[in-house]
């Protein structure tokens, strides 16, 4: 179902190269500060502008920057493997392939999309350390990409001269069954992680996303959730250590970075604070047998009543049970309706699942023939939309089935929506067109962890999270405008039903509609920052100010430092 496995360089977490002498980085930072009193963003823009304007064409500018960058990398990284082997400029025959291979949203893969002058694909940690220094030297903004499932493309587009630090080669996974932990590098995919755990144990798993081609770096740093969150919480709730390269090129683990930075990179997004190299995660117990089901109902099959009743039990039912609801406008017998799909993972056998459902959600009418018992790894394949019987080897493919144009948005619901409200929603969804909703239940372990425990704040009090979802395959500005208008309209209609003051959003469903920054001021940052991080935003700002005061690591929705 998925493409053939692609070869990539594996880097062991053991025996990593020795960090570069910090004195050289500190000296470089000091020289930069002495050279200009401007902020780093302003300095980068100025240098980038000069680089572009000093050449007769952008290609010449790109070549000039490339030559300077290559020389700098060679001077500041280990000689083997050579830096020249991991750097691509726009005239390189592999440039387009490398750029496009991890773009998961075709909206950011058009002829008008801003392209990086250079792509760096590090094989060893010293390549990353050098890239940070050399980015400062040539005055380019650095974008950090681990998997490319960044919904609004902030990890690989920019309005000013930039390069991409693409971590897909850093994908080692070291599973330790003895203490039930694993080190997973930022570029490793969730599919690879699940497979490597399954190789070592059939009774251990990890609570993370259902899409196997998502990479660990961005997924975990933004929170990371999946269909075991009611039992085990988020991915970040199982993180016990991490490795990060900071603005000065130092490689820091949890002890060296301190608890404030370790707190921030668990839900606050890694790219505001440094380059995440790897996370050490605690594995969780999974039973020998789990059960899945998918029950679909349309409006004339009592879908409204079922969705209403789901809201009343979804966050309170047995913690082993996760029931997602997909809501999509469809045409049945030439009539437009809403289809509600109830999709479940239960950490137990079918007999116990039926007992739980009969007690707490009998309205769904779940029957034994609706249930499929399987191993946990088979449930990973099921939730990843693989055909039944697909080999677990499919999880090692890093190539998704297809890449569409898409837009995502998010909300949190804290009070059940009434039946009248749901019926009003259905009418709006049918009138709008194609945009669907995904309801993901909370409760369980999510309600037990304090909102300040990690940078991710959306815990107790939320019944479920909404993902707004629209995909399309038509090219061109008209299609883009049409579908973007659809999803924004539905998001607007949903205002009365969702969280308020602020209206919460999920960082990993990156959404520039809720606010962006141009000056990286506190006031601009708080517009989107309060929605993503609620009361944790101010602490994130303090951490940012302490570890990256010149704002080297930044994007349109990054955490701003205090100036």
Protein backbone atom coordinates (compact mmCIF):
# COMPACT_ATOMS: atom_id res chain seq x y z
CA UNK A 1 0.00 0.00 0.00
CA UNK A 2 2.82 2.34 0.82
CA UNK A 3 5.88 2.90 -1.34
CA UNK A 4 9.01 0.78 -1.20
CA UNK A 5 11.33 1.33 1.71
CA UNK A 6 13.82 4.12 1.00
CA UNK A 7 17.45 3.81 2.01
CA UNK A 8 18.80 6.40 4.39
CA UNK A 9 21.89 6.80 6.47
CA UNK A 10 21.49 5.50 10.05
CA UNK A 11 23.36 7.32 12.78
CA UNK A 12 23.91 5.70 16.15
CA UNK A 13 23.19 7.70 19.25
CA UNK A 14 26.16 5.99 20.80
CA UNK A 15 29.57 7.22 19.83
CA UNK A 16 28.30 10.57 18.57
CA UNK A 17 30.99 13.08 17.60
CA UNK A 18 32.39 15.27 20.33
CA UNK A 19 30.75 18.72 20.43
CA UNK A 20 32.76 21.53 18.89
CA UNK A 21 34.66 23.72 21.33
CA UNK A 22 32.12 26.12 22.74
CA UNK A 23 34.69 28.89 22.79
CA UNK A 24 34.56 29.19 18.99
CA UNK A 25 30.77 29.60 19.06
CA UNK A 26 30.82 32.08 21.89
CA UNK A 27 33.46 34.10 20.02
CA UNK A 28 31.32 34.08 16.88
CA UNK A 29 28.24 35.27 18.79
CA UNK A 30 30.28 38.01 20.44
CA UNK A 31 31.62 39.16 17.08
CA UNK A 32 28.12 39.35 15.67
CA UNK A 33 26.84 41.35 18.59
CA UNK A 34 29.78 43.73 18.33
CA UNK A 35 29.30 44.18 14.60
CA UNK A 36 25.72 45.33 14.93
CA UNK A 37 23.32 46.39 17.63
CA UNK A 38 20.40 45.28 15.45
CA UNK A 39 18.36 42.24 16.35
CA UNK A 40 19.35 38.97 14.71
CA UNK A 41 16.20 38.89 12.51
CA UNK A 42 17.04 42.38 11.23
CA UNK A 43 20.69 41.45 10.72
CA UNK A 44 19.76 38.27 8.87
CA UNK A 45 17.41 40.16 6.57
CA UNK A 46 20.03 42.83 5.88
CA UNK A 47 22.78 40.33 5.13
CA UNK A 48 20.44 38.25 3.03
CA UNK A 49 19.39 41.32 1.07
CA UNK A 50 23.00 42.28 0.46
CA UNK A 51 23.82 38.77 -0.68
CA UNK A 52 20.98 38.85 -3.18
CA UNK A 53 21.55 42.39 -4.42
CA UNK A 54 25.30 41.95 -4.87
CA UNK A 55 24.81 39.38 -7.68
CA UNK A 56 23.34 39.77 -11.11
CA UNK A 57 20.86 36.98 -10.49
CA UNK A 58 19.46 34.93 -7.64
CA UNK A 59 21.26 31.88 -9.07
CA UNK A 60 24.59 33.66 -8.79
CA UNK A 61 23.66 34.73 -5.28
CA UNK A 62 22.75 31.18 -4.45
CA UNK A 63 26.10 29.91 -5.76
CA UNK A 64 27.98 32.57 -3.82
CA UNK A 65 26.16 31.73 -0.60
CA UNK A 66 26.63 28.03 -1.30
CA UNK A 67 30.39 28.37 -1.72
CA UNK A 68 30.71 30.42 1.44
CA UNK A 69 28.44 28.08 3.35
CA UNK A 70 30.27 24.93 2.19
CA UNK A 71 33.62 26.36 3.20
CA UNK A 72 32.28 27.35 6.59
CA UNK A 73 30.77 23.91 7.18
CA UNK A 74 33.99 22.20 6.17
CA UNK A 75 35.93 24.37 8.61
CA UNK A 76 33.62 23.69 11.54
CA UNK A 77 32.48 20.07 11.25
CA UNK A 78 34.12 16.68 11.28
CA UNK A 79 35.94 15.90 8.01
CA UNK A 80 34.15 12.58 7.63
CA UNK A 81 31.58 12.45 6.23
CA UNK A 82 32.45 15.63 4.32
CA UNK A 83 30.05 18.56 4.63
CA UNK A 84 29.90 18.87 0.84
CA UNK A 85 28.05 15.54 0.69
CA UNK A 86 25.08 16.82 2.70
CA UNK A 87 24.52 20.27 1.14
CA UNK A 88 22.37 20.98 -1.92
CA UNK A 89 22.02 24.29 -3.72
CA UNK A 90 19.47 25.16 -6.38
CA UNK A 91 21.71 24.07 -9.25
CA UNK A 92 22.27 20.61 -7.78
CA UNK A 93 20.46 17.90 -9.74
CA UNK A 94 19.09 16.37 -6.52
CA UNK A 95 17.90 19.67 -5.03
CA UNK A 96 14.27 19.41 -6.14
CA UNK A 97 13.97 15.77 -5.09
CA UNK A 98 15.39 16.50 -1.64
CA UNK A 99 13.19 19.58 -1.22
CA UNK A 100 9.96 17.91 -2.31
CA UNK A 101 10.46 14.50 -0.70
CA UNK A 102 9.30 15.77 2.70
CA UNK A 103 6.69 18.32 1.67
CA UNK A 104 3.39 16.87 2.82
CA UNK A 105 1.14 19.75 1.74
CA UNK A 106 1.00 20.61 -1.97
CA UNK A 107 -0.04 24.16 -1.09
CA UNK A 108 3.64 24.73 -0.37
CA UNK A 109 5.01 22.93 -3.42
CA UNK A 110 4.09 25.30 -6.23
CA UNK A 111 6.20 27.36 -8.62
CA UNK A 112 5.51 30.49 -6.56
CA UNK A 113 6.40 28.93 -3.20
CA UNK A 114 9.62 30.52 -1.78
CA UNK A 115 12.48 28.06 -2.12
CA UNK A 116 15.52 27.66 0.14
CA UNK A 117 18.88 28.74 -1.24
CA UNK A 118 20.41 25.67 0.35
CA UNK A 119 19.26 22.40 1.92
CA UNK A 120 21.48 20.78 4.54
CA UNK A 121 20.83 17.10 5.30
CA UNK A 122 23.16 16.35 8.24
CA UNK A 123 24.52 12.87 8.80
CA UNK A 124 26.25 13.61 12.10
CA UNK A 125 25.68 16.03 14.94
CA UNK A 126 28.69 18.20 14.06
CA UNK A 127 26.98 19.06 10.76
CA UNK A 128 24.15 20.62 12.78
CA UNK A 129 26.50 22.48 15.10
CA UNK A 130 28.37 23.90 12.12
CA UNK A 131 25.15 24.76 10.28
CA UNK A 132 24.07 27.00 13.15
CA UNK A 133 27.37 28.88 13.11
CA UNK A 134 27.45 29.12 9.31
CA UNK A 135 23.88 30.34 9.15
CA UNK A 136 25.01 33.28 11.23
CA UNK A 137 28.07 33.78 9.03
CA UNK A 138 26.17 34.08 5.76
CA UNK A 139 23.11 35.77 7.23
CA UNK A 140 20.45 33.23 6.31
CA UNK A 141 17.40 32.24 8.28
CA UNK A 142 17.45 28.56 9.25
CA UNK A 143 14.35 26.36 8.97
CA UNK A 144 14.35 23.03 10.82
CA UNK A 145 12.47 20.15 9.20
CA UNK A 146 12.22 16.65 10.63
CA UNK A 147 9.34 15.08 8.71
CA UNK A 148 7.50 17.76 6.78
CA UNK A 149 4.01 17.18 8.19
CA UNK A 150 4.01 20.81 9.21
CA UNK A 151 0.49 21.74 8.12
CA UNK A 152 1.25 25.37 7.29
CA UNK A 153 4.80 24.83 6.04
CA UNK A 154 6.62 26.94 8.62
CA UNK A 155 9.49 24.46 8.71
CA UNK A 156 10.35 24.89 5.05
CA UNK A 157 9.16 28.25 3.69
CA UNK A 158 10.09 31.85 4.46
CA UNK A 159 9.73 35.33 2.98
CA UNK A 160 13.44 36.11 3.35
CA UNK A 161 16.60 34.22 2.23
CA UNK A 162 16.72 30.93 4.10
CA UNK A 163 18.03 27.40 4.15
CA UNK A 164 16.49 24.17 5.39
CA UNK A 165 18.17 21.98 7.95
CA UNK A 166 16.49 18.69 7.05
CA UNK A 167 16.96 16.01 9.70
CA UNK A 168 15.57 13.00 7.83
CA UNK A 169 18.96 11.20 7.93
CA UNK A 170 19.08 11.37 11.73
CA UNK A 171 16.67 8.51 12.29
CA UNK A 172 18.30 6.03 14.66
CA UNK A 173 16.11 4.26 17.21
CA UNK A 174 17.69 2.46 20.16
CA UNK A 175 15.13 0.37 22.07
CA UNK A 176 16.16 -0.86 25.53
CA UNK A 177 13.80 -3.58 26.68
CA UNK A 178 15.61 -3.87 30.02
CA UNK A 179 14.39 -0.52 31.30
CA UNK A 180 11.55 -0.15 28.74
CA UNK A 181 12.92 3.02 27.17
CA UNK A 182 14.05 4.09 23.72
CA UNK A 183 16.14 6.89 22.27
CA UNK A 184 14.55 8.10 19.05
CA UNK A 185 16.23 10.64 16.80
CA UNK A 186 14.27 13.58 15.42
CA UNK A 187 14.14 12.34 11.83
CA UNK A 188 12.82 8.87 12.65
CA UNK A 189 9.19 8.34 11.68
CA UNK A 190 6.50 7.08 14.02
CA UNK A 191 6.11 4.04 11.79
CA UNK A 192 9.79 3.23 12.23
CA UNK A 193 9.51 3.75 15.98
CA UNK A 194 6.51 1.45 16.32
CA UNK A 195 8.23 -1.20 14.20
CA UNK A 196 11.46 -1.11 16.23
CA UNK A 197 9.52 -1.44 19.50
CA UNK A 198 7.51 -4.35 18.06
CA UNK A 199 10.75 -6.04 16.95
CA UNK A 200 11.88 -6.20 20.58
CA UNK A 201 8.58 -6.74 22.38
CA UNK A 202 4.97 -7.59 21.54
CA UNK A 203 3.78 -6.18 24.89
CA UNK A 204 5.21 -2.66 24.67
CA UNK A 205 4.11 0.34 22.63
CA UNK A 206 4.21 4.12 22.64
CA UNK A 207 1.39 6.70 22.74
CA UNK A 208 1.86 8.82 19.62
CA UNK A 209 0.21 9.64 16.33
CA UNK A 210 -1.60 7.35 13.90
CA UNK A 211 0.12 8.60 10.74
CA UNK A 212 3.27 6.48 10.29
CA UNK A 213 5.20 8.98 8.14
CA UNK A 214 5.18 11.75 10.75
CA UNK A 215 8.67 12.27 12.20
CA UNK A 216 9.37 12.21 15.91
CA UNK A 217 11.11 15.58 16.23
CA UNK A 218 8.20 17.87 15.48
CA UNK A 219 5.52 15.46 16.65
CA UNK A 220 6.87 15.00 20.16
CA UNK A 221 8.08 18.57 20.69
CA UNK A 222 4.58 19.89 19.92
CA UNK A 223 2.89 17.47 22.32
CA UNK A 224 2.21 14.37 20.26
CA UNK A 225 -1.06 12.53 20.74
CA UNK A 226 -2.68 9.38 19.47
CA UNK A 227 -5.29 6.77 20.26
CA UNK A 228 -3.78 5.80 23.64
CA UNK A 229 -3.89 9.31 25.14
CA UNK A 230 -6.77 8.50 27.49
CA UNK A 231 -4.70 5.66 28.97
CA UNK A 232 -1.19 7.15 28.85
CA UNK A 233 -1.51 10.84 27.99
CA UNK A 234 0.56 12.50 25.29
CA UNK A 235 3.91 11.50 23.83
CA UNK A 236 5.58 14.20 25.94
CA UNK A 237 4.17 12.64 29.11
CA UNK A 238 6.50 9.69 28.47
CA UNK A 239 9.66 11.72 27.66
CA UNK A 240 12.42 11.28 30.25
CA UNK A 241 15.42 12.88 28.50
CA UNK A 242 16.35 14.75 25.35
CA UNK A 243 19.30 15.99 23.32
CA UNK A 244 19.25 19.45 21.77
CA UNK A 245 21.75 21.69 19.97
CA UNK A 246 21.44 25.20 21.37
CA UNK A 247 22.12 28.56 19.73
CA UNK A 248 25.79 28.34 20.71
CA UNK A 249 26.24 24.93 19.14
CA UNK A 250 26.37 22.99 22.38
CA UNK A 251 24.82 19.54 22.58
CA UNK A 252 22.78 19.41 25.79
CA UNK A 253 20.95 16.59 27.52
CA UNK A 254 18.30 17.07 30.20
CA UNK A 255 20.82 17.61 32.97
CA UNK A 256 22.87 20.10 30.96
CA UNK A 257 19.92 22.06 29.55
CA UNK A 258 18.11 22.33 32.89
CA UNK A 259 14.50 21.68 33.77
CA UNK A 260 13.14 24.92 32.30
CA UNK A 261 14.29 24.16 28.76
CA UNK A 262 13.37 20.49 29.17
CA UNK A 263 9.88 21.63 30.18
CA UNK A 264 9.62 23.95 27.15
CA UNK A 265 10.53 21.35 24.51
CA UNK A 266 7.77 19.06 25.77
CA UNK A 267 4.80 20.73 24.09
CA UNK A 268 6.21 24.18 23.38
CA UNK A 269 7.70 23.23 20.02
CA UNK A 270 11.41 22.54 19.67
CA UNK A 271 12.16 24.95 16.84
CA UNK A 272 11.84 28.05 19.04
CA UNK A 273 14.66 26.90 21.30
CA UNK A 274 17.17 24.85 19.31
CA UNK A 275 17.54 21.79 17.13
CA UNK A 276 16.08 18.67 18.73
CA UNK A 277 18.43 15.75 18.12
CA UNK A 278 16.58 13.00 19.99
CA UNK A 279 14.14 12.17 22.75
CA UNK A 280 14.43 9.40 25.31
CA UNK A 281 10.97 7.96 25.79
CA UNK A 282 9.38 5.60 28.29
CA UNK A 283 7.59 2.74 26.57
CA UNK A 284 4.14 1.69 27.80
CA UNK A 285 2.43 -1.65 28.29
CA UNK A 286 0.02 -2.90 25.65
CA UNK A 287 -2.02 -6.11 25.95
CA UNK A 288 -1.46 -9.13 23.74
CA UNK A 289 -4.89 -8.53 22.23
CA UNK A 290 -6.47 -5.17 21.38
CA UNK A 291 -9.78 -4.56 19.62
CA UNK A 292 -10.79 -2.05 16.96
CA UNK A 293 -14.10 -1.14 15.38
CA UNK A 294 -15.54 1.29 12.87
CA UNK A 295 -19.27 1.98 12.93
CA UNK A 296 -20.77 4.42 10.41
CA UNK A 297 -24.13 6.16 10.65
CA UNK A 298 -25.77 8.85 8.52
CA UNK A 299 -28.34 11.41 9.67
CA UNK A 300 -31.27 9.14 8.79
CA UNK A 301 -29.61 6.43 10.91
CA UNK A 302 -29.75 8.47 14.10
CA UNK A 303 -26.27 10.02 13.75
CA UNK A 304 -27.26 13.21 15.56
CA UNK A 305 -28.40 11.38 18.67
CA UNK A 306 -25.29 9.18 18.63
CA UNK A 307 -22.88 12.09 18.34
CA UNK A 308 -24.70 13.91 21.14
CA UNK A 309 -24.54 10.88 23.43
CA UNK A 310 -20.89 10.27 22.49
CA UNK A 311 -20.10 13.72 23.90
CA UNK A 312 -21.59 12.71 27.25
CA UNK A 313 -19.43 9.59 27.66
CA UNK A 314 -16.32 9.93 25.44
CA UNK A 315 -14.13 11.49 28.14
CA UNK A 316 -15.59 9.43 31.02
CA UNK A 317 -15.69 5.92 29.58
CA UNK A 318 -13.08 3.25 30.44
CA UNK A 319 -9.57 4.68 30.01
CA UNK A 320 -8.65 1.71 27.80
CA UNK A 321 -11.17 2.93 25.22
CA UNK A 322 -10.61 5.68 22.66
CA UNK A 323 -13.47 6.45 20.24
CA UNK A 324 -12.79 9.04 17.56
CA UNK A 325 -15.69 10.50 15.57
CA UNK A 326 -15.20 11.52 11.93
CA UNK A 327 -17.89 13.81 10.53
CA UNK A 328 -18.02 14.31 6.77
CA UNK A 329 -20.55 15.75 4.30
CA UNK A 330 -21.34 12.98 1.78
CA UNK A 331 -23.86 12.17 -0.95
CA UNK A 332 -26.04 9.09 -0.39
CA UNK A 333 -28.71 8.22 -3.00
CA UNK A 334 -28.24 11.66 -4.59
CA UNK A 335 -28.98 13.33 -1.26
CA UNK A 336 -26.46 15.31 0.81
CA UNK A 337 -26.09 14.15 4.39
CA UNK A 338 -23.56 13.86 7.18
CA UNK A 339 -21.78 10.58 7.83
CA UNK A 340 -20.57 9.98 11.38
CA UNK A 341 -17.85 7.32 11.69
CA UNK A 342 -17.04 6.03 15.16
CA UNK A 343 -13.50 4.60 15.05
CA UNK A 344 -12.05 2.93 18.11
CA UNK A 345 -9.02 1.39 19.76
CA UNK A 346 -9.64 -0.64 22.90
CA UNK A 347 -6.75 -2.00 24.95
CA UNK A 348 -8.38 -5.35 25.61
CA UNK A 349 -10.38 -8.12 24.01
CA UNK A 350 -13.77 -7.88 22.30
CA UNK A 351 -15.72 -9.44 25.15
CA UNK A 352 -14.61 -6.78 27.63
CA UNK A 353 -15.12 -4.03 25.03
CA UNK A 354 -18.71 -5.13 24.44
CA UNK A 355 -19.29 -5.13 28.19
CA UNK A 356 -17.98 -1.55 28.46
CA UNK A 357 -20.03 -0.37 25.49
CA UNK A 358 -23.24 -2.04 26.70
CA UNK A 359 -22.83 -0.28 30.03
CA UNK A 360 -21.70 3.19 28.97
CA UNK A 361 -22.61 3.69 25.30
CA UNK A 362 -25.38 1.23 24.42
CA UNK A 363 -26.92 3.63 21.91
CA UNK A 364 -24.22 2.81 19.36
CA UNK A 365 -25.48 -0.77 19.29
CA UNK A 366 -22.02 -2.27 18.94
CA UNK A 367 -22.11 -5.97 18.01
CA UNK A 368 -19.47 -8.67 18.19
CA UNK A 369 -19.24 -8.77 14.40
CA UNK A 370 -18.29 -5.06 14.41
CA UNK A 371 -15.18 -5.84 16.47
CA UNK A 372 -11.80 -7.01 15.21
CA UNK A 373 -9.29 -8.44 17.66
CA UNK A 374 -5.62 -8.08 16.75
CA UNK A 375 -2.16 -7.34 18.10
CA UNK A 376 -1.16 -3.77 18.96
CA UNK A 377 1.13 -3.49 15.91
CA UNK A 378 -1.75 -4.67 13.69
CA UNK A 379 -3.89 -1.90 15.22
CA UNK A 380 -1.16 0.59 14.25
CA UNK A 381 -1.51 -0.60 10.64
CA UNK A 382 -5.32 -0.48 10.88
CA UNK A 383 -5.31 3.10 12.15
CA UNK A 384 -2.74 4.00 9.51
CA UNK A 385 -5.30 2.97 6.84
CA UNK A 386 -3.36 -0.06 5.66
CA UNK A 387 -5.27 -3.02 4.24
CA UNK A 388 -5.93 -5.91 6.62
CA UNK A 389 -3.10 -8.41 6.50
CA UNK A 390 -0.47 -5.84 5.53
CA UNK A 391 2.99 -6.75 6.82
CA UNK A 392 4.42 -4.63 9.64
CA UNK A 393 7.33 -3.93 7.28
CA UNK A 394 5.06 -1.36 5.61
CA UNK A 395 5.62 0.89 8.62
CA UNK A 396 9.23 1.34 7.51
CA UNK A 397 8.18 3.17 4.35
CA UNK A 398 8.76 6.90 4.64
CA UNK A 399 6.66 7.67 1.56
CA UNK A 400 2.97 8.48 2.06
CA UNK A 401 0.37 7.13 -0.36
CA UNK A 402 -0.41 10.56 -1.72
CA UNK A 403 0.19 14.22 -1.01
CA UNK A 404 -2.78 16.57 -1.32
CA UNK A 405 -3.45 20.24 -1.00
CA UNK A 406 -4.77 20.63 2.52
CA UNK A 407 -5.65 22.89 5.43
CA UNK A 408 -6.20 22.02 9.09
CA UNK A 409 -7.52 23.98 12.07
CA UNK A 410 -8.35 23.03 15.65
CA UNK A 411 -10.60 23.77 18.62
CA UNK A 412 -11.42 22.43 22.09
CA UNK A 413 -14.92 21.65 23.32
CA UNK A 414 -15.63 21.96 27.04
CA UNK A 415 -19.45 21.79 27.07
CA UNK A 416 -21.46 19.25 25.05
CA UNK A 417 -23.05 20.69 21.93
CA UNK A 418 -26.84 20.32 22.08
CA UNK A 419 -28.78 18.29 19.53
CA UNK A 420 -30.16 21.52 18.10
CA UNK A 421 -26.61 22.83 17.85
CA UNK A 422 -25.45 19.68 16.08
CA UNK A 423 -28.32 19.84 13.60
CA UNK A 424 -27.43 23.47 12.87
CA UNK A 425 -23.80 22.38 12.36
CA UNK A 426 -24.84 19.68 9.89
CA UNK A 427 -26.74 22.20 7.77
CA UNK A 428 -23.74 24.51 7.70
CA UNK A 429 -21.34 21.69 6.80
CA UNK A 430 -23.56 20.50 3.96
CA UNK A 431 -23.96 24.05 2.64
CA UNK A 432 -20.23 24.79 2.86
CA UNK A 433 -19.16 21.79 0.84
CA UNK A 434 -16.27 19.49 1.68
CA UNK A 435 -14.76 20.40 5.07
CA UNK A 436 -15.01 17.66 7.69
CA UNK A 437 -14.50 17.45 11.43
CA UNK A 438 -12.61 14.98 13.61
CA UNK A 439 -13.60 14.74 17.29
CA UNK A 440 -10.82 13.31 19.48
CA UNK A 441 -11.87 12.46 23.06
CA UNK A 442 -9.91 13.57 26.12
CA UNK A 443 -10.44 12.65 29.76
CA UNK A 444 -8.71 9.76 31.47
CA UNK A 445 -5.01 10.37 31.99
CA UNK A 446 -5.29 13.73 30.20
CA UNK A 447 -7.45 15.06 33.04
CA UNK A 448 -5.01 13.89 35.72
CA UNK A 449 -1.90 15.74 34.52
CA UNK A 450 -1.73 19.43 35.57
CA UNK A 451 -1.81 21.94 32.71
CA UNK A 452 1.52 23.36 33.90
CA UNK A 453 3.29 19.97 34.03
CA UNK A 454 4.51 20.41 30.45
CA UNK A 455 4.29 23.31 28.00
CA UNK A 456 1.20 21.67 26.45
CA UNK A 457 -1.70 23.16 28.47
CA UNK A 458 -4.93 21.59 27.17
CA UNK A 459 -5.72 19.04 29.87
CA UNK A 460 -8.63 18.79 32.35
CA UNK A 461 -11.86 20.48 31.38
CA UNK A 462 -11.71 19.54 27.71
CA UNK A 463 -14.18 16.89 26.56
CA UNK A 464 -12.65 16.60 23.12
CA UNK A 465 -10.49 18.31 20.54
CA UNK A 466 -11.76 19.18 17.06
CA UNK A 467 -9.66 18.96 13.95
CA UNK A 468 -11.08 20.80 10.94
CA UNK A 469 -9.94 19.03 7.80
CA UNK A 470 -10.16 19.69 4.09
CA UNK A 471 -8.12 18.09 1.29
CA UNK A 472 -8.27 18.79 -2.42
CA UNK A 473 -6.40 17.75 -5.56
CA UNK A 474 -7.33 20.59 -7.93
CA UNK A 475 -4.45 22.93 -8.70
CA UNK A 476 -4.59 26.69 -8.94
CA UNK A 477 -5.50 29.79 -6.98
CA UNK A 478 -9.26 29.42 -7.46
CA UNK A 479 -9.33 26.00 -5.83
CA UNK A 480 -7.07 27.21 -3.03
CA UNK A 481 -9.34 30.17 -2.36
CA UNK A 482 -12.48 28.02 -2.47
CA UNK A 483 -11.35 25.37 0.01
CA UNK A 484 -9.57 27.79 2.33
CA UNK A 485 -12.77 29.84 2.47
CA UNK A 486 -14.78 26.69 3.27
CA UNK A 487 -12.73 25.66 6.27
CA UNK A 488 -12.45 29.19 7.63
CA UNK A 489 -16.20 29.64 7.35
CA UNK A 490 -16.92 26.46 9.29
CA UNK A 491 -14.37 27.47 11.94
CA UNK A 492 -16.19 30.79 12.29
CA UNK A 493 -19.58 29.09 12.59
CA UNK A 494 -18.26 26.89 15.40
CA UNK A 495 -17.36 29.86 17.63
CA UNK A 496 -20.34 29.50 20.03
CA UNK A 497 -19.54 25.85 20.78
CA UNK A 498 -15.82 25.91 21.59
CA UNK A 499 -13.42 27.20 24.26
CA UNK A 500 -13.18 30.94 24.81
CA UNK A 501 -10.87 33.58 26.31
CA UNK A 502 -8.72 32.42 24.64
CA UNK A 503 -10.05 30.08 21.99
CA UNK A 504 -7.58 27.21 22.29
CA UNK A 505 -5.60 25.66 19.44
CA UNK A 506 -3.25 22.69 19.14
CA UNK A 507 0.34 23.54 18.14
CA UNK A 508 0.80 20.39 16.07
CA UNK A 509 -2.17 21.43 13.95
CA UNK A 510 -0.19 24.51 12.97
CA UNK A 511 -2.56 27.26 11.83
CA UNK A 512 -1.29 30.69 10.77
CA UNK A 513 -4.87 32.00 10.65
CA UNK A 514 -4.83 32.47 14.43
CA UNK A 515 -1.96 34.96 14.28
CA UNK A 516 1.61 35.46 13.07
CA UNK A 517 4.46 37.71 14.06
CA UNK A 518 6.57 40.05 11.94
CA UNK A 519 8.61 41.67 14.72
CA UNK A 520 8.71 38.84 17.27
CA UNK A 521 7.39 41.16 19.93
CA UNK A 522 5.74 39.82 23.06
CA UNK A 523 2.40 41.39 22.10
CA UNK A 524 2.40 39.84 18.62
CA UNK A 525 3.50 36.48 19.99
CA UNK A 526 0.81 36.39 22.62
CA UNK A 527 -1.96 36.56 19.99
CA UNK A 528 -1.24 33.00 18.84
CA UNK A 529 0.84 31.99 21.85
CA UNK A 530 -2.04 32.27 24.32
CA UNK A 531 -4.19 30.05 22.07
CA UNK A 532 -1.55 27.35 21.74
CA UNK A 533 -0.12 27.54 25.26
CA UNK A 534 -2.72 29.30 27.46
CA UNK A 535 -1.16 30.27 30.82
CA UNK A 536 2.11 28.57 29.89
CA UNK A 537 2.99 31.22 27.30
CA UNK A 538 4.75 33.59 29.69
CA UNK A 539 6.98 30.82 31.03
CA UNK A 540 7.88 29.84 27.47
CA UNK A 541 8.85 33.46 26.78
CA UNK A 542 11.13 33.45 29.83
CA UNK A 543 12.80 30.24 28.68
CA UNK A 544 13.24 31.63 25.18
CA UNK A 545 14.78 34.81 26.54
CA UNK A 546 17.25 32.81 28.62
CA UNK A 547 18.38 30.33 25.96
CA UNK A 548 18.04 32.29 22.69
CA UNK A 549 17.96 36.01 23.53
CA UNK A 550 18.92 37.07 19.97
CA UNK A 551 16.00 35.08 18.50
CA UNK A 552 18.07 32.98 16.11
CA UNK A 553 15.53 30.13 16.15
CA UNK A 554 12.31 31.58 14.84
CA UNK A 555 9.37 31.31 12.49
CA UNK A 556 6.08 33.13 11.99
CA UNK A 557 4.65 31.55 15.14
CA UNK A 558 7.72 31.04 17.30
CA UNK A 559 8.09 32.04 20.93
CA UNK A 560 9.45 35.61 21.12
CA UNK A 561 12.19 36.64 23.54
CA UNK A 562 11.73 39.64 25.77
CA UNK A 563 13.72 42.51 24.32
